[in-house]
Amino acid sequence: MKILFVTAYAPSLIRTRALNFVKSLAAAGHAITLATLWSGEDERMALRSLDATLAGLIAERIHPARSMWNCIC
């Protein structure tokens, strides 16, 4: 099955819930396309390491100030 997995943050070893969902769905044979936002280089590197298990990756940079603004509003 083709699945579009959308999350507001980059799945990583710190944010394990989305990471475990993506990995388990891919291990079950599903084609996962991940759509997410990243703000720092650590998140970008986490996405690169996850890219091998994905069928597609849509990742856009969000400025850290914008991310904080989204948390406030």
PDB file of N, CA and C in Angstrom:
ATOM      1  N   MET A   1       0.840  -1.163   0.000  1.00  0.00           N
ATOM      2  CA  MET A   1       0.000   0.000   0.000  1.00  0.00           C
ATOM      3  C   MET A   1       0.899   1.245   0.000  1.00  0.00           C
ATOM      4  N   LYS A   2       0.496   2.258  -0.744  1.00  0.00           N
ATOM      5  CA  LYS A   2       1.216   3.527  -0.741  1.00  0.00           C
ATOM      6  C   LYS A   2       0.630   4.417   0.346  1.00  0.00           C
ATOM      7  N   ILE A   3       1.493   4.935   1.218  1.00  0.00           N
ATOM      8  CA  ILE A   3       1.053   5.742   2.353  1.00  0.00           C
ATOM      9  C   ILE A   3       1.794   7.069   2.361  1.00  0.00           C
ATOM     10  N   LEU A   4       1.043   8.158   2.518  1.00  0.00           N
ATOM     11  CA  LEU A   4       1.633   9.474   2.736  1.00  0.00           C
ATOM     12  C   LEU A   4       1.573   9.740   4.225  1.00  0.00           C
ATOM     13  N   PHE A   5       2.738   9.828   4.873  1.00  0.00           N
ATOM     14  CA  PHE A   5       2.833  10.051   6.310  1.00  0.00           C
ATOM     15  C   PHE A   5       3.225  11.506   6.513  1.00  0.00           C
ATOM     16  N   VAL A   6       2.332  12.291   7.112  1.00  0.00           N
ATOM     17  CA  VAL A   6       2.559  13.721   7.310  1.00  0.00           C
ATOM     18  C   VAL A   6       2.783  13.984   8.791  1.00  0.00           C
ATOM     19  N   THR A   7       3.866  14.687   9.103  1.00  0.00           N
ATOM     20  CA  THR A   7       4.163  15.046  10.483  1.00  0.00           C
ATOM     21  C   THR A   7       4.742  16.457  10.512  1.00  0.00           C
ATOM     22  N   ALA A   8       4.499  17.173  11.605  1.00  0.00           N
ATOM     23  CA  ALA A   8       4.935  18.566  11.733  1.00  0.00           C
ATOM     24  C   ALA A   8       6.384  18.687  12.171  1.00  0.00           C
ATOM     25  N   TYR A   9       7.018  17.571  12.456  1.00  0.00           N
ATOM     26  CA  TYR A   9       8.411  17.586  12.895  1.00  0.00           C
ATOM     27  C   TYR A   9       9.130  16.391  12.284  1.00  0.00           C
ATOM     28  N   ALA A  10      10.431  16.504  12.202  1.00  0.00           N
ATOM     29  CA  ALA A  10      11.228  15.438  11.602  1.00  0.00           C
ATOM     30  C   ALA A  10      11.350  14.260  12.570  1.00  0.00           C
ATOM     31  N   PRO A  11      10.961  13.058  12.148  1.00  0.00           N
ATOM     32  CA  PRO A  11      11.141  11.884  12.998  1.00  0.00           C
ATOM     33  C   PRO A  11      12.632  11.642  13.253  1.00  0.00           C
ATOM     34  N   SER A  12      12.986  11.393  14.507  1.00  0.00           N
ATOM     35  CA  SER A  12      14.380  11.174  14.867  1.00  0.00           C
ATOM     36  C   SER A  12      14.437  10.282  16.099  1.00  0.00           C
ATOM     37  N   LEU A  13      15.634  10.042  16.591  1.00  0.00           N
ATOM     38  CA  LEU A  13      15.787   9.221  17.795  1.00  0.00           C
ATOM     39  C   LEU A  13      15.228   9.928  19.029  1.00  0.00           C
ATOM     40  N   ILE A  14      15.055  11.236  18.961  1.00  0.00           N
ATOM     41  CA  ILE A  14      14.448  11.972  20.073  1.00  0.00           C
ATOM     42  C   ILE A  14      12.928  11.921  19.966  1.00  0.00           C
ATOM     43  N   ARG A  15      12.419  12.052  18.769  1.00  0.00           N
ATOM     44  CA  ARG A  15      10.973  12.006  18.519  1.00  0.00           C
ATOM     45  C   ARG A  15      10.653  10.640  17.914  1.00  0.00           C
ATOM     46  N   THR A  16      10.538   9.665  18.781  1.00  0.00           N
ATOM     47  CA  THR A  16      10.510   8.272  18.335  1.00  0.00           C
ATOM     48  C   THR A  16       9.157   7.783  17.854  1.00  0.00           C
ATOM     49  N   ARG A  17       8.075   8.413  18.246  1.00  0.00           N
ATOM     50  CA  ARG A  17       6.767   7.889  17.861  1.00  0.00           C
ATOM     51  C   ARG A  17       6.606   7.844  16.340  1.00  0.00           C
ATOM     52  N   ALA A  18       6.829   8.965  15.687  1.00  0.00           N
ATOM     53  CA  ALA A  18       6.701   9.001  14.223  1.00  0.00           C
ATOM     54  C   ALA A  18       7.764   8.125  13.563  1.00  0.00           C
ATOM     55  N   LEU A  19       8.971   8.119  14.124  1.00  0.00           N
ATOM     56  CA  LEU A  19      10.050   7.301  13.576  1.00  0.00           C
ATOM     57  C   LEU A  19       9.680   5.826  13.605  1.00  0.00           C
ATOM     58  N   ASN A  20       9.145   5.357  14.714  1.00  0.00           N
ATOM     59  CA  ASN A  20       8.766   3.944  14.829  1.00  0.00           C
ATOM     60  C   ASN A  20       7.596   3.592  13.911  1.00  0.00           C
ATOM     61  N   PHE A  21       6.634   4.511  13.749  1.00  0.00           N
ATOM     62  CA  PHE A  21       5.529   4.275  12.812  1.00  0.00           C
ATOM     63  C   PHE A  21       6.063   4.099  11.396  1.00  0.00           C
ATOM     64  N   VAL A  22       6.920   5.012  10.973  1.00  0.00           N
ATOM     65  CA  VAL A  22       7.457   4.959   9.614  1.00  0.00           C
ATOM     66  C   VAL A  22       8.259   3.681   9.397  1.00  0.00           C
ATOM     67  N   LYS A  23       9.127   3.348  10.340  1.00  0.00           N
ATOM     68  CA  LYS A  23       9.947   2.145  10.192  1.00  0.00           C
ATOM     69  C   LYS A  23       9.116   0.872  10.181  1.00  0.00           C
ATOM     70  N   SER A  24       8.110   0.792  11.042  1.00  0.00           N
ATOM     71  CA  SER A  24       7.309  -0.432  11.085  1.00  0.00           C
ATOM     72  C   SER A  24       6.426  -0.568   9.845  1.00  0.00           C
ATOM     73  N   LEU A  25       5.901   0.536   9.340  1.00  0.00           N
ATOM     74  CA  LEU A  25       5.111   0.469   8.116  1.00  0.00           C
ATOM     75  C   LEU A  25       5.978   0.071   6.925  1.00  0.00           C
ATOM     76  N   ALA A  26       7.187   0.607   6.860  1.00  0.00           N
ATOM     77  CA  ALA A  26       8.107   0.244   5.768  1.00  0.00           C
ATOM     78  C   ALA A  26       8.524  -1.215   5.881  1.00  0.00           C
ATOM     79  N   ALA A  27       8.742  -1.696   7.101  1.00  0.00           N
ATOM     80  CA  ALA A  27       9.123  -3.096   7.299  1.00  0.00           C
ATOM     81  C   ALA A  27       7.990  -4.047   6.916  1.00  0.00           C
ATOM     82  N   ALA A  28       6.752  -3.571   7.019  1.00  0.00           N
ATOM     83  CA  ALA A  28       5.603  -4.393   6.645  1.00  0.00           C
ATOM     84  C   ALA A  28       5.386  -4.420   5.131  1.00  0.00           C
ATOM     85  N   GLY A  29       6.227  -3.699   4.399  1.00  0.00           N
ATOM     86  CA  GLY A  29       6.158  -3.743   2.947  1.00  0.00           C
ATOM     87  C   GLY A  29       5.410  -2.595   2.296  1.00  0.00           C
ATOM     88  N   HIS A  30       5.044  -1.598   3.063  1.00  0.00           N
ATOM     89  CA  HIS A  30       4.335  -0.448   2.516  1.00  0.00           C
ATOM     90  C   HIS A  30       5.324   0.563   1.933  1.00  0.00           C
ATOM     91  N   ALA A  31       4.906   1.277   0.905  1.00  0.00           N
ATOM     92  CA  ALA A  31       5.712   2.342   0.303  1.00  0.00           C
ATOM     93  C   ALA A  31       5.340   3.650   0.993  1.00  0.00           C
ATOM     94  N   ILE A  32       6.254   4.166   1.805  1.00  0.00           N
ATOM     95  CA  ILE A  32       5.995   5.343   2.623  1.00  0.00           C
ATOM     96  C   ILE A  32       6.607   6.577   1.983  1.00  0.00           C
ATOM     97  N   THR A  33       5.789   7.618   1.834  1.00  0.00           N
ATOM     98  CA  THR A  33       6.283   8.944   1.471  1.00  0.00           C
ATOM     99  C   THR A  33       6.082   9.817   2.694  1.00  0.00           C
ATOM    100  N   LEU A  34       7.165  10.415   3.166  1.00  0.00           N
ATOM    101  CA  LEU A  34       7.135  11.238   4.369  1.00  0.00           C
ATOM    102  C   LEU A  34       7.120  12.707   3.986  1.00  0.00           C
ATOM    103  N   ALA A  35       6.153  13.459   4.524  1.00  0.00           N
ATOM    104  CA  ALA A  35       6.078  14.906   4.338  1.00  0.00           C
ATOM    105  C   ALA A  35       6.273  15.542   5.709  1.00  0.00           C
ATOM    106  N   THR A  36       7.305  16.375   5.846  1.00  0.00           N
ATOM    107  CA  THR A  36       7.644  16.919   7.151  1.00  0.00           C
ATOM    108  C   THR A  36       8.351  18.257   7.033  1.00  0.00           C
ATOM    109  N   LEU A  37       8.577  18.883   8.169  1.00  0.00           N
ATOM    110  CA  LEU A  37       9.336  20.123   8.278  1.00  0.00           C
ATOM    111  C   LEU A  37      10.598  19.851   9.082  1.00  0.00           C
ATOM    112  N   TRP A  38      11.665  20.588   8.784  1.00  0.00           N
ATOM    113  CA  TRP A  38      12.890  20.486   9.572  1.00  0.00           C
ATOM    114  C   TRP A  38      13.409  21.888   9.828  1.00  0.00           C
ATOM    115  N   SER A  39      14.066  22.084  10.984  1.00  0.00           N
ATOM    116  CA  SER A  39      14.548  23.421  11.321  1.00  0.00           C
ATOM    117  C   SER A  39      16.047  23.474  11.572  1.00  0.00           C
ATOM    118  N   GLY A  40      16.649  22.374  11.936  1.00  0.00           N
ATOM    119  CA  GLY A  40      18.077  22.371  12.224  1.00  0.00           C
ATOM    120  C   GLY A  40      18.808  21.289  11.452  1.00  0.00           C
ATOM    121  N   GLU A  41      20.119  21.406  11.418  1.00  0.00           N
ATOM    122  CA  GLU A  41      20.929  20.427  10.686  1.00  0.00           C
ATOM    123  C   GLU A  41      20.807  19.027  11.282  1.00  0.00           C
ATOM    124  N   ASP A  42      20.611  18.919  12.596  1.00  0.00           N
ATOM    125  CA  ASP A  42      20.455  17.604  13.204  1.00  0.00           C
ATOM    126  C   ASP A  42      19.195  16.908  12.689  1.00  0.00           C
ATOM    127  N   GLU A  43      18.116  17.668  12.521  1.00  0.00           N
ATOM    128  CA  GLU A  43      16.895  17.098  11.965  1.00  0.00           C
ATOM    129  C   GLU A  43      17.085  16.727  10.496  1.00  0.00           C
ATOM    130  N   ARG A  44      17.810  17.553   9.778  1.00  0.00           N
ATOM    131  CA  ARG A  44      18.070  17.271   8.356  1.00  0.00           C
ATOM    132  C   ARG A  44      18.889  15.989   8.203  1.00  0.00           C
ATOM    133  N   MET A  45      19.869  15.790   9.060  1.00  0.00           N
ATOM    134  CA  MET A  45      20.684  14.578   9.005  1.00  0.00           C
ATOM    135  C   MET A  45      19.851  13.352   9.399  1.00  0.00           C
ATOM    136  N   ALA A  46      18.936  13.501  10.347  1.00  0.00           N
ATOM    137  CA  ALA A  46      18.062  12.394  10.731  1.00  0.00           C
ATOM    138  C   ALA A  46      17.177  11.989   9.554  1.00  0.00           C
ATOM    139  N   LEU A  47      16.716  12.974   8.790  1.00  0.00           N
ATOM    140  CA  LEU A  47      15.905  12.668   7.618  1.00  0.00           C
ATOM    141  C   LEU A  47      16.724  11.956   6.549  1.00  0.00           C
ATOM    142  N   ARG A  48      17.965  12.359   6.386  1.00  0.00           N
ATOM    143  CA  ARG A  48      18.826  11.695   5.403  1.00  0.00           C
ATOM    144  C   ARG A  48      19.059  10.236   5.760  1.00  0.00           C
ATOM    145  N   SER A  49      19.216   9.939   7.059  1.00  0.00           N
ATOM    146  CA  SER A  49      19.427   8.552   7.455  1.00  0.00           C
ATOM    147  C   SER A  49      18.150   7.727   7.286  1.00  0.00           C
ATOM    148  N   LEU A  50      17.007   8.368   7.387  1.00  0.00           N
ATOM    149  CA  LEU A  50      15.729   7.684   7.229  1.00  0.00           C
ATOM    150  C   LEU A  50      15.346   7.525   5.760  1.00  0.00           C
ATOM    151  N   ASP A  51      15.944   8.314   4.903  1.00  0.00           N
ATOM    152  CA  ASP A  51      15.594   8.356   3.484  1.00  0.00           C
ATOM    153  C   ASP A  51      15.739   7.003   2.792  1.00  0.00           C
ATOM    154  N   ALA A  52      16.627   6.151   3.256  1.00  0.00           N
ATOM    155  CA  ALA A  52      16.842   4.848   2.625  1.00  0.00           C
ATOM    156  C   ALA A  52      15.628   3.927   2.773  1.00  0.00           C
ATOM    157  N   THR A  53      14.832   4.107   3.818  1.00  0.00           N
ATOM    158  CA  THR A  53      13.668   3.247   4.041  1.00  0.00           C
ATOM    159  C   THR A  53      12.396   3.811   3.418  1.00  0.00           C
ATOM    160  N   LEU A  54      12.465   5.016   2.849  1.00  0.00           N
ATOM    161  CA  LEU A  54      11.282   5.680   2.321  1.00  0.00           C
ATOM    162  C   LEU A  54      11.184   5.549   0.810  1.00  0.00           C
ATOM    163  N   ALA A  55       9.954   5.571   0.313  1.00  0.00           N
ATOM    164  CA  ALA A  55       9.732   5.622  -1.125  1.00  0.00           C
ATOM    165  C   ALA A  55       9.878   7.051  -1.630  1.00  0.00           C
ATOM    166  N   GLY A  56       9.590   8.019  -0.765  1.00  0.00           N
ATOM    167  CA  GLY A  56       9.703   9.427  -1.124  1.00  0.00           C
ATOM    168  C   GLY A  56       9.829  10.284   0.120  1.00  0.00           C
ATOM    169  N   LEU A  57      10.418  11.459  -0.056  1.00  0.00           N
ATOM    170  CA  LEU A  57      10.596  12.380   1.066  1.00  0.00           C
ATOM    171  C   LEU A  57      10.297  13.791   0.595  1.00  0.00           C
ATOM    172  N   ILE A  58       9.378  14.439   1.290  1.00  0.00           N
ATOM    173  CA  ILE A  58       9.060  15.841   1.054  1.00  0.00           C
ATOM    174  C   ILE A  58       9.398  16.564   2.349  1.00  0.00           C
ATOM    175  N   ALA A  59      10.496  17.294   2.347  1.00  0.00           N
ATOM    176  CA  ALA A  59      10.957  17.961   3.564  1.00  0.00           C
ATOM    177  C   ALA A  59      11.259  19.423   3.260  1.00  0.00           C
ATOM    178  N   GLU A  60      10.629  20.303   3.987  1.00  0.00           N
ATOM    179  CA  GLU A  60      10.833  21.730   3.813  1.00  0.00           C
ATOM    180  C   GLU A  60      11.416  22.319   5.087  1.00  0.00           C
ATOM    181  N   ARG A  61      12.290  23.294   4.910  1.00  0.00           N
ATOM    182  CA  ARG A  61      12.908  23.962   6.057  1.00  0.00           C
ATOM    183  C   ARG A  61      11.946  24.994   6.617  1.00  0.00           C
ATOM    184  N   ILE A  62      11.852  25.033   7.928  1.00  0.00           N
ATOM    185  CA  ILE A  62      11.094  26.053   8.629  1.00  0.00           C
ATOM    186  C   ILE A  62      12.074  26.790   9.535  1.00  0.00           C
ATOM    187  N   HIS A  63      12.046  28.100   9.492  1.00  0.00           N
ATOM    188  CA  HIS A  63      12.962  28.897  10.306  1.00  0.00           C
ATOM    189  C   HIS A  63      12.623  28.677  11.783  1.00  0.00           C
ATOM    190  N   PRO A  64      13.635  28.541  12.644  1.00  0.00           N
ATOM    191  CA  PRO A  64      13.376  28.312  14.068  1.00  0.00           C
ATOM    192  C   PRO A  64      12.482  29.369  14.717  1.00  0.00           C
ATOM    193  N   ALA A  65      12.597  30.614  14.285  1.00  0.00           N
ATOM    194  CA  ALA A  65      11.733  31.672  14.842  1.00  0.00           C
ATOM    195  C   ALA A  65      10.271  31.410  14.466  1.00  0.00           C
ATOM    196  N   ARG A  66      10.037  30.947  13.242  1.00  0.00           N
ATOM    197  CA  ARG A  66       8.682  30.617  12.816  1.00  0.00           C
ATOM    198  C   ARG A  66       8.142  29.437  13.609  1.00  0.00           C
ATOM    199  N   SER A  67       8.993  28.489  13.883  1.00  0.00           N
ATOM    200  CA  SER A  67       8.594  27.344  14.682  1.00  0.00           C
ATOM    201  C   SER A  67       8.167  27.767  16.090  1.00  0.00           C
ATOM    202  N   MET A  68       8.934  28.672  16.683  1.00  0.00           N
ATOM    203  CA  MET A  68       8.576  29.187  18.012  1.00  0.00           C
ATOM    204  C   MET A  68       7.263  29.968  17.949  1.00  0.00           C
ATOM    205  N   TRP A  69       7.078  30.754  16.913  1.00  0.00           N
ATOM    206  CA  TRP A  69       5.857  31.520  16.745  1.00  0.00           C
ATOM    207  C   TRP A  69       4.657  30.575  16.645  1.00  0.00           C
ATOM    208  N   ASN A  70       4.813  29.478  15.921  1.00  0.00           N
ATOM    209  CA  ASN A  70       3.732  28.504  15.809  1.00  0.00           C
ATOM    210  C   ASN A  70       3.380  27.895  17.165  1.00  0.00           C
ATOM    211  N   CYS A  71       4.376  27.725  18.026  1.00  0.00           N
ATOM    212  CA  CYS A  71       4.120  27.179  19.369  1.00  0.00           C
ATOM    213  C   CYS A  71       3.353  28.160  20.236  1.00  0.00           C
ATOM    214  N   ILE A  72       3.613  29.439  20.033  1.00  0.00           N
ATOM    215  CA  ILE A  72       2.959  30.468  20.851  1.00  0.00           C
ATOM    216  C   ILE A  72       1.498  30.660  20.436  1.00  0.00           C
ATOM    217  N   CYS A  73       1.255  30.659  19.140  1.00  0.00           N
ATOM    218  CA  CYS A  73      -0.113  30.934  18.629  1.00  0.00           C
ATOM    219  C   CYS A  73      -0.983  29.721  18.595  1.00  0.00           C
TER     220      CYS A  73
END
